[in-house]
N, C-alpha and C. Protein backbone atom coordinates (compact mmCIF):
# COMPACT_ATOMS: atom_id res chain seq x y z
N MET A 1 9.71 -7.25 21.47
CA MET A 1 8.41 -7.22 22.09
C MET A 1 7.49 -6.34 21.25
N LEU A 2 6.30 -6.84 20.95
CA LEU A 2 5.34 -6.09 20.16
C LEU A 2 4.68 -5.01 21.00
N ASN A 3 4.52 -3.86 20.42
CA ASN A 3 3.82 -2.76 21.06
C ASN A 3 2.33 -3.08 21.03
N LEU A 4 1.69 -3.13 22.18
CA LEU A 4 0.28 -3.52 22.25
C LEU A 4 -0.62 -2.52 21.56
N ASP A 5 -0.27 -1.22 21.56
CA ASP A 5 -1.07 -0.23 20.84
C ASP A 5 -1.00 -0.48 19.34
N LEU A 6 0.17 -0.82 18.86
CA LEU A 6 0.35 -1.13 17.45
C LEU A 6 -0.43 -2.38 17.07
N MET A 7 -0.47 -3.35 17.97
CA MET A 7 -1.18 -4.60 17.69
C MET A 7 -2.66 -4.39 17.48
N LYS A 8 -3.24 -3.37 18.08
CA LYS A 8 -4.67 -3.13 17.92
C LYS A 8 -5.03 -2.90 16.46
N ALA A 9 -4.10 -2.34 15.70
CA ALA A 9 -4.35 -2.05 14.29
C ALA A 9 -3.93 -3.20 13.39
N MET A 10 -3.32 -4.24 13.95
CA MET A 10 -2.81 -5.35 13.15
C MET A 10 -3.84 -6.46 13.01
N ASN A 11 -3.57 -7.32 12.06
CA ASN A 11 -4.39 -8.50 11.81
C ASN A 11 -3.92 -9.61 12.76
N ILE A 12 -4.71 -9.93 13.75
CA ILE A 12 -4.31 -10.89 14.78
C ILE A 12 -5.18 -12.13 14.70
N ARG A 13 -4.52 -13.30 14.72
CA ARG A 13 -5.25 -14.56 14.62
C ARG A 13 -4.67 -15.56 15.62
N PRO A 14 -5.51 -16.47 16.12
CA PRO A 14 -5.01 -17.51 17.02
C PRO A 14 -4.25 -18.59 16.24
N ILE A 15 -3.38 -19.27 16.92
CA ILE A 15 -2.58 -20.31 16.27
C ILE A 15 -3.46 -21.42 15.70
N SER A 16 -4.62 -21.66 16.29
CA SER A 16 -5.53 -22.69 15.76
C SER A 16 -5.96 -22.36 14.34
N GLU A 17 -6.13 -21.07 14.04
CA GLU A 17 -6.51 -20.68 12.68
C GLU A 17 -5.36 -20.94 11.71
N LEU A 18 -4.14 -20.69 12.16
CA LEU A 18 -2.98 -20.98 11.32
C LEU A 18 -2.88 -22.48 11.05
N LYS A 19 -3.13 -23.28 12.06
CA LYS A 19 -3.08 -24.74 11.90
C LYS A 19 -4.15 -25.22 10.92
N ASN A 20 -5.35 -24.66 11.03
CA ASN A 20 -6.48 -25.14 10.23
C ASN A 20 -6.58 -24.52 8.84
N ARG A 21 -6.00 -23.32 8.67
CA ARG A 21 -6.16 -22.60 7.40
C ARG A 21 -4.84 -22.06 6.88
N THR A 22 -3.78 -22.83 7.02
CA THR A 22 -2.44 -22.35 6.66
C THR A 22 -2.39 -21.81 5.23
N LYS A 23 -2.84 -22.59 4.27
CA LYS A 23 -2.75 -22.17 2.87
C LYS A 23 -3.52 -20.87 2.63
N ALA A 24 -4.72 -20.77 3.19
CA ALA A 24 -5.54 -19.57 3.00
C ALA A 24 -4.90 -18.35 3.65
N LEU A 25 -4.31 -18.52 4.84
CA LEU A 25 -3.67 -17.38 5.51
C LEU A 25 -2.43 -16.93 4.75
N ILE A 26 -1.68 -17.87 4.22
CA ILE A 26 -0.51 -17.50 3.42
C ILE A 26 -0.94 -16.70 2.20
N ALA A 27 -1.99 -17.17 1.52
CA ALA A 27 -2.51 -16.43 0.36
C ALA A 27 -2.96 -15.04 0.77
N GLU A 28 -3.60 -14.93 1.92
CA GLU A 28 -4.07 -13.63 2.42
C GLU A 28 -2.89 -12.68 2.65
N VAL A 29 -1.83 -13.19 3.23
CA VAL A 29 -0.65 -12.37 3.50
C VAL A 29 0.02 -11.94 2.20
N VAL A 30 0.20 -12.88 1.28
CA VAL A 30 0.88 -12.58 0.02
C VAL A 30 0.04 -11.63 -0.83
N ASP A 31 -1.25 -11.90 -0.94
CA ASP A 31 -2.12 -11.09 -1.78
C ASP A 31 -2.43 -9.72 -1.17
N GLY A 32 -2.67 -9.70 0.12
CA GLY A 32 -3.06 -8.45 0.79
C GLY A 32 -1.90 -7.62 1.27
N GLY A 33 -0.75 -8.23 1.45
CA GLY A 33 0.43 -7.50 1.90
C GLY A 33 0.47 -7.19 3.38
N GLU A 34 -0.56 -7.55 4.12
CA GLU A 34 -0.62 -7.28 5.55
C GLU A 34 -0.06 -8.48 6.33
N PRO A 35 0.87 -8.25 7.24
CA PRO A 35 1.32 -9.35 8.08
C PRO A 35 0.22 -9.77 9.05
N ILE A 36 0.31 -10.99 9.53
CA ILE A 36 -0.65 -11.51 10.50
C ILE A 36 0.12 -11.88 11.77
N VAL A 37 -0.35 -11.38 12.90
CA VAL A 37 0.23 -11.75 14.19
C VAL A 37 -0.50 -13.00 14.66
N ILE A 38 0.26 -14.04 14.98
CA ILE A 38 -0.31 -15.29 15.47
C ILE A 38 -0.14 -15.32 16.99
N THR A 39 -1.25 -15.60 17.67
CA THR A 39 -1.19 -15.67 19.12
C THR A 39 -1.24 -17.13 19.58
N GLN A 40 -0.64 -17.35 20.71
CA GLN A 40 -0.67 -18.66 21.36
C GLN A 40 -1.03 -18.40 22.82
N ASN A 41 -2.10 -19.01 23.28
CA ASN A 41 -2.62 -18.75 24.62
C ASN A 41 -2.91 -17.26 24.83
N GLY A 42 -3.39 -16.61 23.75
CA GLY A 42 -3.78 -15.21 23.83
C GLY A 42 -2.64 -14.20 23.78
N LYS A 43 -1.42 -14.68 23.62
CA LYS A 43 -0.26 -13.78 23.59
C LYS A 43 0.39 -13.82 22.22
N PRO A 44 0.86 -12.67 21.70
CA PRO A 44 1.52 -12.66 20.39
C PRO A 44 2.77 -13.52 20.43
N THR A 45 2.89 -14.41 19.43
CA THR A 45 4.01 -15.34 19.41
C THR A 45 4.88 -15.19 18.17
N VAL A 46 4.24 -15.14 16.99
CA VAL A 46 4.98 -14.99 15.74
C VAL A 46 4.22 -14.06 14.80
N VAL A 47 4.93 -13.59 13.78
CA VAL A 47 4.31 -12.78 12.75
C VAL A 47 4.54 -13.49 11.42
N VAL A 48 3.47 -13.64 10.66
CA VAL A 48 3.55 -14.21 9.32
C VAL A 48 3.50 -13.06 8.33
N MET A 49 4.52 -12.97 7.47
CA MET A 49 4.55 -11.91 6.47
C MET A 49 5.13 -12.45 5.18
N SER A 50 4.91 -11.74 4.09
CA SER A 50 5.42 -12.18 2.81
C SER A 50 6.95 -12.09 2.80
N ALA A 51 7.55 -12.92 1.97
CA ALA A 51 9.01 -12.89 1.84
C ALA A 51 9.47 -11.53 1.31
N LYS A 52 8.68 -10.95 0.42
CA LYS A 52 9.02 -9.63 -0.13
C LYS A 52 9.07 -8.58 0.98
N GLU A 53 8.04 -8.58 1.83
CA GLU A 53 8.01 -7.61 2.92
C GLU A 53 9.15 -7.85 3.91
N TYR A 54 9.45 -9.11 4.17
CA TYR A 54 10.55 -9.45 5.07
C TYR A 54 11.87 -8.91 4.50
N ASP A 55 12.10 -9.13 3.20
CA ASP A 55 13.32 -8.62 2.57
C ASP A 55 13.40 -7.10 2.67
N GLU A 56 12.27 -6.43 2.46
CA GLU A 56 12.25 -4.97 2.54
C GLU A 56 12.58 -4.50 3.95
N ILE A 57 12.03 -5.16 4.94
CA ILE A 57 12.30 -4.80 6.33
C ILE A 57 13.77 -5.06 6.67
N GLN A 58 14.29 -6.20 6.23
CA GLN A 58 15.69 -6.51 6.49
C GLN A 58 16.62 -5.49 5.82
N GLY A 59 16.28 -5.09 4.59
CA GLY A 59 17.07 -4.08 3.90
C GLY A 59 17.05 -2.75 4.62
N ALA A 60 15.86 -2.36 5.09
CA ALA A 60 15.74 -1.09 5.82
C ALA A 60 16.51 -1.15 7.14
N LEU A 61 16.43 -2.29 7.81
CA LEU A 61 17.16 -2.45 9.07
C LEU A 61 18.67 -2.41 8.83
N LEU A 62 19.11 -3.10 7.81
CA LEU A 62 20.53 -3.09 7.49
C LEU A 62 21.00 -1.68 7.14
N LEU A 63 20.19 -0.97 6.38
CA LEU A 63 20.54 0.41 6.03
C LEU A 63 20.64 1.28 7.28
N ALA A 64 19.72 1.10 8.21
CA ALA A 64 19.77 1.88 9.46
C ALA A 64 21.03 1.55 10.25
N ILE A 65 21.37 0.26 10.32
CA ILE A 65 22.58 -0.16 11.04
C ILE A 65 23.82 0.43 10.37
N LEU A 66 23.87 0.32 9.04
CA LEU A 66 25.01 0.89 8.31
C LEU A 66 25.11 2.39 8.54
N ASN A 67 23.99 3.08 8.46
CA ASN A 67 24.00 4.53 8.69
C ASN A 67 24.51 4.87 10.07
N GLN A 68 24.07 4.11 11.07
CA GLN A 68 24.51 4.37 12.44
C GLN A 68 26.01 4.15 12.58
N ARG A 69 26.50 3.05 12.04
CA ARG A 69 27.93 2.76 12.14
C ARG A 69 28.76 3.75 11.36
N VAL A 70 28.30 4.10 10.17
CA VAL A 70 29.01 5.06 9.34
C VAL A 70 29.04 6.43 10.03
N ALA A 71 27.91 6.84 10.55
CA ALA A 71 27.84 8.14 11.22
C ALA A 71 28.77 8.19 12.42
N SER A 72 28.87 7.07 13.14
CA SER A 72 29.73 7.07 14.32
C SER A 72 31.21 7.11 13.96
N LYS A 73 31.55 6.73 12.74
CA LYS A 73 32.95 6.74 12.31
C LYS A 73 33.26 7.90 11.39
N GLY A 74 32.23 8.70 11.07
CA GLY A 74 32.46 9.87 10.24
C GLY A 74 32.69 9.57 8.78
N ARG A 75 32.29 8.39 8.31
CA ARG A 75 32.47 8.04 6.90
C ARG A 75 31.17 8.27 6.15
N MET A 76 31.30 8.56 4.87
CA MET A 76 30.13 8.79 4.03
C MET A 76 30.20 7.83 2.84
N TYR A 77 29.04 7.34 2.43
CA TYR A 77 28.94 6.46 1.28
C TYR A 77 27.82 6.99 0.38
N THR A 78 27.97 6.78 -0.91
CA THR A 78 26.91 7.17 -1.81
C THR A 78 25.75 6.19 -1.66
N THR A 79 24.58 6.60 -2.09
CA THR A 79 23.42 5.72 -2.05
C THR A 79 23.68 4.46 -2.86
N ALA A 80 24.30 4.61 -4.01
CA ALA A 80 24.59 3.46 -4.87
C ALA A 80 25.52 2.48 -4.15
N GLU A 81 26.52 2.99 -3.44
CA GLU A 81 27.43 2.11 -2.69
C GLU A 81 26.70 1.36 -1.60
N VAL A 82 25.85 2.05 -0.88
CA VAL A 82 25.09 1.42 0.21
C VAL A 82 24.16 0.36 -0.35
N ARG A 83 23.43 0.68 -1.41
CA ARG A 83 22.52 -0.30 -2.01
C ARG A 83 23.26 -1.54 -2.50
N LYS A 84 24.42 -1.32 -3.13
CA LYS A 84 25.21 -2.44 -3.63
C LYS A 84 25.65 -3.33 -2.46
N ARG A 85 26.11 -2.73 -1.38
CA ARG A 85 26.57 -3.51 -0.23
C ARG A 85 25.40 -4.24 0.44
N ILE A 86 24.24 -3.60 0.49
CA ILE A 86 23.06 -4.25 1.08
C ILE A 86 22.68 -5.46 0.25
N LYS A 87 22.62 -5.29 -1.08
CA LYS A 87 22.27 -6.41 -1.95
C LYS A 87 23.27 -7.56 -1.81
N GLU A 88 24.55 -7.24 -1.75
CA GLU A 88 25.57 -8.27 -1.59
C GLU A 88 25.42 -8.99 -0.26
N SER A 89 25.19 -8.22 0.81
CA SER A 89 25.04 -8.81 2.14
C SER A 89 23.80 -9.69 2.23
N LEU A 90 22.67 -9.22 1.67
CA LEU A 90 21.44 -10.02 1.68
C LEU A 90 21.60 -11.28 0.85
N ALA A 91 22.29 -11.17 -0.28
CA ALA A 91 22.51 -12.36 -1.12
C ALA A 91 23.35 -13.39 -0.37
N LYS A 92 24.38 -12.95 0.33
CA LYS A 92 25.21 -13.87 1.12
C LYS A 92 24.40 -14.51 2.23
N ALA A 93 23.57 -13.70 2.90
CA ALA A 93 22.74 -14.22 3.99
C ALA A 93 21.75 -15.25 3.47
N ARG A 94 21.17 -15.01 2.30
CA ARG A 94 20.21 -15.96 1.72
C ARG A 94 20.88 -17.27 1.33
N GLN A 95 22.15 -17.19 0.94
CA GLN A 95 22.89 -18.40 0.56
C GLN A 95 23.28 -19.21 1.79
N GLY A 96 23.15 -18.60 2.96
CA GLY A 96 23.44 -19.31 4.20
C GLY A 96 24.90 -19.58 4.43
N ASP A 97 25.76 -18.67 3.98
CA ASP A 97 27.20 -18.90 4.17
C ASP A 97 27.68 -18.50 5.55
N GLY A 98 26.76 -18.04 6.41
CA GLY A 98 27.12 -17.72 7.78
C GLY A 98 27.81 -16.39 7.95
N ALA A 99 28.01 -15.66 6.85
CA ALA A 99 28.68 -14.37 6.96
C ALA A 99 27.77 -13.38 7.66
N SER A 100 28.32 -12.66 8.60
CA SER A 100 27.52 -11.65 9.27
C SER A 100 27.48 -10.41 8.39
N VAL A 101 26.45 -9.63 8.57
CA VAL A 101 26.28 -8.43 7.78
C VAL A 101 26.95 -7.29 8.52
N ARG A 102 28.00 -6.77 7.94
CA ARG A 102 28.76 -5.69 8.56
C ARG A 102 29.10 -4.64 7.52
N PRO A 103 29.18 -3.39 7.92
CA PRO A 103 29.57 -2.37 6.96
C PRO A 103 31.05 -2.51 6.64
N PRO A 104 31.48 -2.02 5.49
CA PRO A 104 32.90 -2.09 5.14
C PRO A 104 33.72 -1.24 6.09
N VAL A 105 34.92 -1.67 6.36
CA VAL A 105 35.80 -0.93 7.26
C VAL A 105 36.90 -0.29 6.43
N GLY A 106 37.11 0.99 6.68
CA GLY A 106 38.21 1.69 6.04
C GLY A 106 37.96 2.06 4.58
N ARG A 107 36.75 1.90 4.10
CA ARG A 107 36.44 2.26 2.73
C ARG A 107 35.35 3.30 2.73
N GLY A 108 35.34 4.12 1.78
CA GLY A 108 34.30 5.15 1.71
C GLY A 108 34.94 6.52 1.64
N ARG A 109 34.09 7.49 1.56
CA ARG A 109 34.59 8.86 1.43
C ARG A 109 34.23 9.65 2.66
N ALA A 110 35.16 10.42 3.12
CA ALA A 110 34.85 11.34 4.22
C ALA A 110 34.07 12.50 3.63
N GLY A 111 33.13 12.99 4.39
CA GLY A 111 32.34 14.05 3.77
C GLY A 111 31.87 15.08 4.70
């Protein structure tokens, strides 16, 4: 659910604009880097963002999940190990092999 206070600062457009100006809105998102919230019947429905920004958000989310799971098990990983695992997991997800993104079990250094 989108935070309505946060939405006030976002770029919000009706779905009719997306239908009528798809190519221009995509260029705006890619060139400007700002996501666009698309509304349907006045309510936020989807967010259009660049693939680069989506990948960055997914990487940050995965890192947060890994950190939470690692912290709960008392395991420590180097930054290089975490980045390598994130890249591998994102690459698998992009290939559509259906593999879920999970932290390694039983590997790592206690710290």
